[in-house]
């Protein structure tokens, strides 16, 4: 379905997600390019509007800007779908984000066992889960923290692990850049839960590549 399409991406900090998008583009007939090239790139898969790639694509007017859901749906349906259905929605500017700090939602009593303390002593700072695209996962993230007997903190400087969503903004990345050696993907929490262990973070570190 993507024959003739030359696709680039921007705004994704997860190396795993970037690789997944690249493989998906190639699998359904498109060409993936790391660079955005005027008059050659046809599509930009974007997670945010804050990058230079996004600004250039908007200025050129020849590049269709979509979310990664467009790619998923094209692969699922076996045809190239209307890009207008998958436009990137606006996110609040940094000033608004600063005023509306995300607070982890309360988890309803569900008899989650407290006898597995594999994350005991871990202090988790959560970033990017206030996005409308991630709020549906916020309860699950908090439950992962609870299952391992970890705690959340509102101060990243006190955190042992900074867990970031895949839709984290460049502004949010900049806020915690001094602690990037502790910034991990939310997948880390899920894998810790599966294996009932506090796993090494090396395979889950967040890339600062645009």
C-alpha atoms as a PDB file:
ATOM      1  CA  UNK A   1       0.000   0.000   0.000  1.00  0.00           C
ATOM      2  CA  UNK A   2       2.913   2.433   0.431  1.00  0.00           C
ATOM      3  CA  UNK A   3       4.549   1.910  -2.935  1.00  0.00           C
ATOM      4  CA  UNK A   4       6.027   5.248  -3.997  1.00  0.00           C
ATOM      5  CA  UNK A   5       5.983   6.649  -0.458  1.00  0.00           C
ATOM      6  CA  UNK A   6       9.197   7.919   1.130  1.00  0.00           C
ATOM      7  CA  UNK A   7       8.725   8.123   4.888  1.00  0.00           C
ATOM      8  CA  UNK A   8      10.664   9.847   7.661  1.00  0.00           C
ATOM      9  CA  UNK A   9       9.847  10.287  11.354  1.00  0.00           C
ATOM     10  CA  UNK A  10      10.381  12.760  14.189  1.00  0.00           C
ATOM     11  CA  UNK A  11       9.715  13.125  17.898  1.00  0.00           C
ATOM     12  CA  UNK A  12      10.105   9.475  18.896  1.00  0.00           C
ATOM     13  CA  UNK A  13      12.662   8.960  21.663  1.00  0.00           C
ATOM     14  CA  UNK A  14      12.329   5.193  21.827  1.00  0.00           C
ATOM     15  CA  UNK A  15      14.826   3.347  19.653  1.00  0.00           C
ATOM     16  CA  UNK A  16      12.512   0.323  19.680  1.00  0.00           C
ATOM     17  CA  UNK A  17       9.587   2.341  18.318  1.00  0.00           C
ATOM     18  CA  UNK A  18      11.783   4.005  15.688  1.00  0.00           C
ATOM     19  CA  UNK A  19      12.980   0.588  14.523  1.00  0.00           C
ATOM     20  CA  UNK A  20       9.413  -0.761  14.515  1.00  0.00           C
ATOM     21  CA  UNK A  21       8.236   2.132  12.310  1.00  0.00           C
ATOM     22  CA  UNK A  22      11.166   1.679   9.912  1.00  0.00           C
ATOM     23  CA  UNK A  23      10.468  -2.043   9.569  1.00  0.00           C
ATOM     24  CA  UNK A  24       6.735  -1.478   9.096  1.00  0.00           C
ATOM     25  CA  UNK A  25       7.310   1.076   6.309  1.00  0.00           C
ATOM     26  CA  UNK A  26       9.573  -1.335   4.423  1.00  0.00           C
ATOM     27  CA  UNK A  27       7.251  -4.280   5.016  1.00  0.00           C
ATOM     28  CA  UNK A  28       4.311  -2.610   3.262  1.00  0.00           C
ATOM     29  CA  UNK A  29       6.221  -1.258   0.290  1.00  0.00           C
ATOM     30  CA  UNK A  30       7.450   2.151   1.377  1.00  0.00           C
ATOM     31  CA  UNK A  31      10.958   3.563   1.619  1.00  0.00           C
ATOM     32  CA  UNK A  32      12.203   4.756   5.004  1.00  0.00           C
ATOM     33  CA  UNK A  33      14.664   7.655   5.188  1.00  0.00           C
ATOM     34  CA  UNK A  34      16.188   9.033   8.358  1.00  0.00           C
ATOM     35  CA  UNK A  35      16.577  12.488   6.814  1.00  0.00           C
ATOM     36  CA  UNK A  36      13.773  14.742   5.641  1.00  0.00           C
ATOM     37  CA  UNK A  37      14.481  15.729   2.019  1.00  0.00           C
ATOM     38  CA  UNK A  38      12.486  18.369   0.156  1.00  0.00           C
ATOM     39  CA  UNK A  39      10.756  17.108  -3.017  1.00  0.00           C
ATOM     40  CA  UNK A  40      11.665  13.549  -2.078  1.00  0.00           C
ATOM     41  CA  UNK A  41      10.105  12.782   1.311  1.00  0.00           C
ATOM     42  CA  UNK A  42       6.358  12.216   0.935  1.00  0.00           C
ATOM     43  CA  UNK A  43       5.341  11.474   4.539  1.00  0.00           C
ATOM     44  CA  UNK A  44       6.522  12.478   8.009  1.00  0.00           C
ATOM     45  CA  UNK A  45       5.360  10.368  10.944  1.00  0.00           C
ATOM     46  CA  UNK A  46       5.452  12.749  13.894  1.00  0.00           C
ATOM     47  CA  UNK A  47       4.976  12.399  17.636  1.00  0.00           C
ATOM     48  CA  UNK A  48       5.099  16.145  18.274  1.00  0.00           C
ATOM     49  CA  UNK A  49       5.175  19.512  16.519  1.00  0.00           C
ATOM     50  CA  UNK A  50       8.326  20.746  18.227  1.00  0.00           C
ATOM     51  CA  UNK A  51      11.029  19.443  15.911  1.00  0.00           C
ATOM     52  CA  UNK A  52      12.813  21.072  12.984  1.00  0.00           C
ATOM     53  CA  UNK A  53      11.664  18.254  10.723  1.00  0.00           C
ATOM     54  CA  UNK A  54       8.036  19.081  11.489  1.00  0.00           C
ATOM     55  CA  UNK A  55       8.594  22.810  10.884  1.00  0.00           C
ATOM     56  CA  UNK A  56      10.335  22.170   7.561  1.00  0.00           C
ATOM     57  CA  UNK A  57       7.616  19.769   6.432  1.00  0.00           C
ATOM     58  CA  UNK A  58       4.944  22.372   7.213  1.00  0.00           C
ATOM     59  CA  UNK A  59       6.863  25.094   5.375  1.00  0.00           C
ATOM     60  CA  UNK A  60       7.397  22.969   2.271  1.00  0.00           C
ATOM     61  CA  UNK A  61       3.734  21.988   2.076  1.00  0.00           C
ATOM     62  CA  UNK A  62       4.475  18.886   0.013  1.00  0.00           C
ATOM     63  CA  UNK A  63       4.961  16.446   2.903  1.00  0.00           C
ATOM     64  CA  UNK A  64       1.956  14.745   4.481  1.00  0.00           C
ATOM     65  CA  UNK A  65       2.315  14.794   8.276  1.00  0.00           C
ATOM     66  CA  UNK A  66       0.646  11.918  10.138  1.00  0.00           C
ATOM     67  CA  UNK A  67       0.776   9.987  13.400  1.00  0.00           C
ATOM     68  CA  UNK A  68       2.108   6.441  13.666  1.00  0.00           C
ATOM     69  CA  UNK A  69      -1.488   5.234  13.779  1.00  0.00           C
ATOM     70  CA  UNK A  70      -1.726   5.974  10.036  1.00  0.00           C
ATOM     71  CA  UNK A  71       1.056   3.471   9.401  1.00  0.00           C
ATOM     72  CA  UNK A  72      -0.529   0.856  11.663  1.00  0.00           C
ATOM     73  CA  UNK A  73      -3.912   1.216   9.982  1.00  0.00           C
ATOM     74  CA  UNK A  74      -2.419   1.116   6.471  1.00  0.00           C
ATOM     75  CA  UNK A  75      -0.703  -2.158   7.325  1.00  0.00           C
ATOM     76  CA  UNK A  76      -3.819  -3.578   8.955  1.00  0.00           C
ATOM     77  CA  UNK A  77      -6.136  -2.667   6.066  1.00  0.00           C
ATOM     78  CA  UNK A  78      -3.676  -3.418   3.277  1.00  0.00           C
ATOM     79  CA  UNK A  79      -4.250  -0.054   1.585  1.00  0.00           C
ATOM     80  CA  UNK A  80      -3.016   3.506   1.785  1.00  0.00           C
ATOM     81  CA  UNK A  81      -5.536   5.411   3.903  1.00  0.00           C
ATOM     82  CA  UNK A  82      -6.483   9.082   3.784  1.00  0.00           C
ATOM     83  CA  UNK A  83      -3.787  10.955   5.686  1.00  0.00           C
ATOM     84  CA  UNK A  84      -6.250  13.664   6.768  1.00  0.00           C
ATOM     85  CA  UNK A  85      -7.778  11.165   9.213  1.00  0.00           C
ATOM     86  CA  UNK A  86      -4.461  10.843  11.049  1.00  0.00           C
ATOM     87  CA  UNK A  87      -3.291  14.432  11.472  1.00  0.00           C
ATOM     88  CA  UNK A  88      -1.197  15.313  14.500  1.00  0.00           C
ATOM     89  CA  UNK A  89      -3.300  17.035  17.151  1.00  0.00           C
ATOM     90  CA  UNK A  90      -2.141  20.125  18.995  1.00  0.00           C
ATOM     91  CA  UNK A  91      -0.543  19.731  22.410  1.00  0.00           C
ATOM     92  CA  UNK A  92      -0.496  22.452  25.105  1.00  0.00           C
ATOM     93  CA  UNK A  93       2.481  24.846  25.001  1.00  0.00           C
ATOM     94  CA  UNK A  94       5.192  24.466  27.667  1.00  0.00           C
ATOM     95  CA  UNK A  95       3.682  27.242  29.820  1.00  0.00           C
ATOM     96  CA  UNK A  96       0.422  25.299  30.075  1.00  0.00           C
ATOM     97  CA  UNK A  97       2.224  22.046  30.721  1.00  0.00           C
ATOM     98  CA  UNK A  98       4.124  23.673  33.603  1.00  0.00           C
ATOM     99  CA  UNK A  99       0.880  24.825  35.166  1.00  0.00           C
ATOM    100  CA  UNK A 100      -0.783  21.435  34.828  1.00  0.00           C
ATOM    101  CA  UNK A 101       1.652  18.944  36.281  1.00  0.00           C
ATOM    102  CA  UNK A 102       0.352  15.421  35.847  1.00  0.00           C
ATOM    103  CA  UNK A 103      -0.591  13.604  39.039  1.00  0.00           C
ATOM    104  CA  UNK A 104      -0.745   9.782  38.948  1.00  0.00           C
ATOM    105  CA  UNK A 105      -4.387   8.678  39.195  1.00  0.00           C
ATOM    106  CA  UNK A 106      -5.576   6.731  42.227  1.00  0.00           C
ATOM    107  CA  UNK A 107      -5.793   2.990  41.673  1.00  0.00           C
ATOM    108  CA  UNK A 108      -9.035   1.372  42.774  1.00  0.00           C
ATOM    109  CA  UNK A 109      -8.689  -1.366  45.383  1.00  0.00           C
ATOM    110  CA  UNK A 110      -8.288  -4.571  43.407  1.00  0.00           C
ATOM    111  CA  UNK A 111      -6.488  -6.835  45.884  1.00  0.00           C
ATOM    112  CA  UNK A 112      -3.172  -6.333  44.085  1.00  0.00           C
ATOM    113  CA  UNK A 113      -0.673  -8.372  46.146  1.00  0.00           C
ATOM    114  CA  UNK A 114       2.016  -6.546  48.075  1.00  0.00           C
ATOM    115  CA  UNK A 115       4.156  -9.609  48.706  1.00  0.00           C
ATOM    116  CA  UNK A 116       6.342  -9.121  45.620  1.00  0.00           C
ATOM    117  CA  UNK A 117       8.827  -6.403  46.472  1.00  0.00           C
ATOM    118  CA  UNK A 118      11.090  -6.568  43.420  1.00  0.00           C
ATOM    119  CA  UNK A 119      10.991  -2.772  42.964  1.00  0.00           C
ATOM    120  CA  UNK A 120      11.188  -1.975  46.677  1.00  0.00           C
ATOM    121  CA  UNK A 121      13.392   1.084  47.170  1.00  0.00           C
ATOM    122  CA  UNK A 122      12.757   2.410  43.643  1.00  0.00           C
ATOM    123  CA  UNK A 123      11.436   5.963  43.408  1.00  0.00           C
ATOM    124  CA  UNK A 124       9.706   6.505  40.059  1.00  0.00           C
ATOM    125  CA  UNK A 125       9.244   9.869  38.327  1.00  0.00           C
ATOM    126  CA  UNK A 126       6.695   9.654  35.480  1.00  0.00           C
ATOM    127  CA  UNK A 127       6.982  11.882  32.400  1.00  0.00           C
ATOM    128  CA  UNK A 128       4.639  12.384  29.446  1.00  0.00           C
ATOM    129  CA  UNK A 129       1.601  10.511  30.696  1.00  0.00           C
ATOM    130  CA  UNK A 130      -0.543  13.650  30.790  1.00  0.00           C
ATOM    131  CA  UNK A 131      -0.834  13.413  26.987  1.00  0.00           C
ATOM    132  CA  UNK A 132      -4.392  12.497  25.884  1.00  0.00           C
ATOM    133  CA  UNK A 133      -2.811   9.632  23.936  1.00  0.00           C
ATOM    134  CA  UNK A 134      -1.234   8.190  27.093  1.00  0.00           C
ATOM    135  CA  UNK A 135      -3.797   8.835  29.812  1.00  0.00           C
ATOM    136  CA  UNK A 136      -5.487   5.528  29.063  1.00  0.00           C
ATOM    137  CA  UNK A 137      -2.231   3.809  30.059  1.00  0.00           C
ATOM    138  CA  UNK A 138      -1.572   5.883  33.204  1.00  0.00           C
ATOM    139  CA  UNK A 139      -3.532   3.578  35.528  1.00  0.00           C
ATOM    140  CA  UNK A 140      -1.636   0.569  34.163  1.00  0.00           C
ATOM    141  CA  UNK A 141       1.683   2.344  34.732  1.00  0.00           C
ATOM    142  CA  UNK A 142       0.766   3.188  38.329  1.00  0.00           C
ATOM    143  CA  UNK A 143      -0.289  -0.427  38.853  1.00  0.00           C
ATOM    144  CA  UNK A 144       3.113  -1.648  37.627  1.00  0.00           C
ATOM    145  CA  UNK A 145       4.725   0.638  40.203  1.00  0.00           C
ATOM    146  CA  UNK A 146       2.432  -0.676  42.927  1.00  0.00           C
ATOM    147  CA  UNK A 147       2.940  -4.340  41.996  1.00  0.00           C
ATOM    148  CA  UNK A 148       6.663  -4.039  42.571  1.00  0.00           C
ATOM    149  CA  UNK A 149       6.239  -2.025  45.806  1.00  0.00           C
ATOM    150  CA  UNK A 150       7.959   1.026  44.316  1.00  0.00           C
ATOM    151  CA  UNK A 151       6.781   4.584  44.968  1.00  0.00           C
ATOM    152  CA  UNK A 152       6.282   7.619  42.734  1.00  0.00           C
ATOM    153  CA  UNK A 153       7.925  10.976  43.355  1.00  0.00           C
ATOM    154  CA  UNK A 154       7.163  14.458  42.023  1.00  0.00           C
ATOM    155  CA  UNK A 155      10.839  15.449  42.067  1.00  0.00           C
ATOM    156  CA  UNK A 156      12.950  13.842  39.328  1.00  0.00           C
ATOM    157  CA  UNK A 157      16.115  14.721  41.252  1.00  0.00           C
ATOM    158  CA  UNK A 158      15.048  12.277  43.961  1.00  0.00           C
ATOM    159  CA  UNK A 159      14.042   9.539  41.507  1.00  0.00           C
ATOM    160  CA  UNK A 160      15.993   6.342  40.986  1.00  0.00           C
ATOM    161  CA  UNK A 161      14.194   5.831  37.648  1.00  0.00           C
ATOM    162  CA  UNK A 162      12.588   8.381  35.324  1.00  0.00           C
ATOM    163  CA  UNK A 163       9.939   6.540  33.297  1.00  0.00           C
ATOM    164  CA  UNK A 164       8.946   8.259  30.052  1.00  0.00           C
ATOM    165  CA  UNK A 165       6.032   7.751  27.696  1.00  0.00           C
ATOM    166  CA  UNK A 166       6.606   7.449  23.935  1.00  0.00           C
ATOM    167  CA  UNK A 167       4.892  10.817  23.412  1.00  0.00           C
ATOM    168  CA  UNK A 168       7.207  12.806  25.669  1.00  0.00           C
ATOM    169  CA  UNK A 169       7.799  16.321  24.294  1.00  0.00           C
ATOM    170  CA  UNK A 170      11.188  17.967  23.656  1.00  0.00           C
ATOM    171  CA  UNK A 171      10.359  20.406  26.470  1.00  0.00           C
ATOM    172  CA  UNK A 172       9.843  17.511  28.867  1.00  0.00           C
ATOM    173  CA  UNK A 173      13.057  15.868  27.658  1.00  0.00           C
ATOM    174  CA  UNK A 174      14.942  19.084  28.333  1.00  0.00           C
ATOM    175  CA  UNK A 175      13.507  19.277  31.846  1.00  0.00           C
ATOM    176  CA  UNK A 176      15.162  15.995  32.865  1.00  0.00           C
ATOM    177  CA  UNK A 177      18.196  16.016  30.555  1.00  0.00           C
ATOM    178  CA  UNK A 178      20.623  16.312  33.472  1.00  0.00           C
ATOM    179  CA  UNK A 179      19.395  12.910  34.627  1.00  0.00           C
ATOM    180  CA  UNK A 180      19.193  11.185  31.223  1.00  0.00           C
ATOM    181  CA  UNK A 181      21.217   8.229  32.500  1.00  0.00           C
ATOM    182  CA  UNK A 182      18.120   7.353  34.594  1.00  0.00           C
ATOM    183  CA  UNK A 183      15.518   7.940  31.851  1.00  0.00           C
ATOM    184  CA  UNK A 184      13.880   4.709  30.717  1.00  0.00           C
ATOM    185  CA  UNK A 185      10.969   3.711  28.505  1.00  0.00           C
ATOM    186  CA  UNK A 186       7.720   2.609  30.127  1.00  0.00           C
ATOM    187  CA  UNK A 187       8.450  -0.859  28.668  1.00  0.00           C
ATOM    188  CA  UNK A 188      10.966  -1.269  31.493  1.00  0.00           C
ATOM    189  CA  UNK A 189       8.174  -1.251  34.076  1.00  0.00           C
ATOM    190  CA  UNK A 190       6.145  -3.786  32.107  1.00  0.00           C
ATOM    191  CA  UNK A 191       9.085  -6.163  31.757  1.00  0.00           C
ATOM    192  CA  UNK A 192       9.917  -5.831  35.457  1.00  0.00           C
ATOM    193  CA  UNK A 193       6.344  -6.873  36.236  1.00  0.00           C
ATOM    194  CA  UNK A 194       6.514  -9.857  33.864  1.00  0.00           C
ATOM    195  CA  UNK A 195       9.806 -11.139  35.277  1.00  0.00           C
ATOM    196  CA  UNK A 196       9.163 -10.092  38.894  1.00  0.00           C
ATOM    197  CA  UNK A 197      12.573  -8.458  39.045  1.00  0.00           C
ATOM    198  CA  UNK A 198      14.181  -5.030  38.919  1.00  0.00           C
ATOM    199  CA  UNK A 199      15.792  -5.334  35.499  1.00  0.00           C
ATOM    200  CA  UNK A 200      18.937  -3.516  34.328  1.00  0.00           C
ATOM    201  CA  UNK A 201      18.007  -0.328  32.489  1.00  0.00           C
ATOM    202  CA  UNK A 202      20.600  -0.444  29.711  1.00  0.00           C
ATOM    203  CA  UNK A 203      18.200  -1.950  27.139  1.00  0.00           C
ATOM    204  CA  UNK A 204      15.470   0.566  27.976  1.00  0.00           C
ATOM    205  CA  UNK A 205      17.336   3.859  28.056  1.00  0.00           C
ATOM    206  CA  UNK A 206      15.685   6.745  26.209  1.00  0.00           C
ATOM    207  CA  UNK A 207      17.461   8.079  23.142  1.00  0.00           C
ATOM    208  CA  UNK A 208      17.819  11.853  22.870  1.00  0.00           C
ATOM    209  CA  UNK A 209      17.797  11.637  19.059  1.00  0.00           C
ATOM    210  CA  UNK A 210      15.148  13.864  17.437  1.00  0.00           C
END
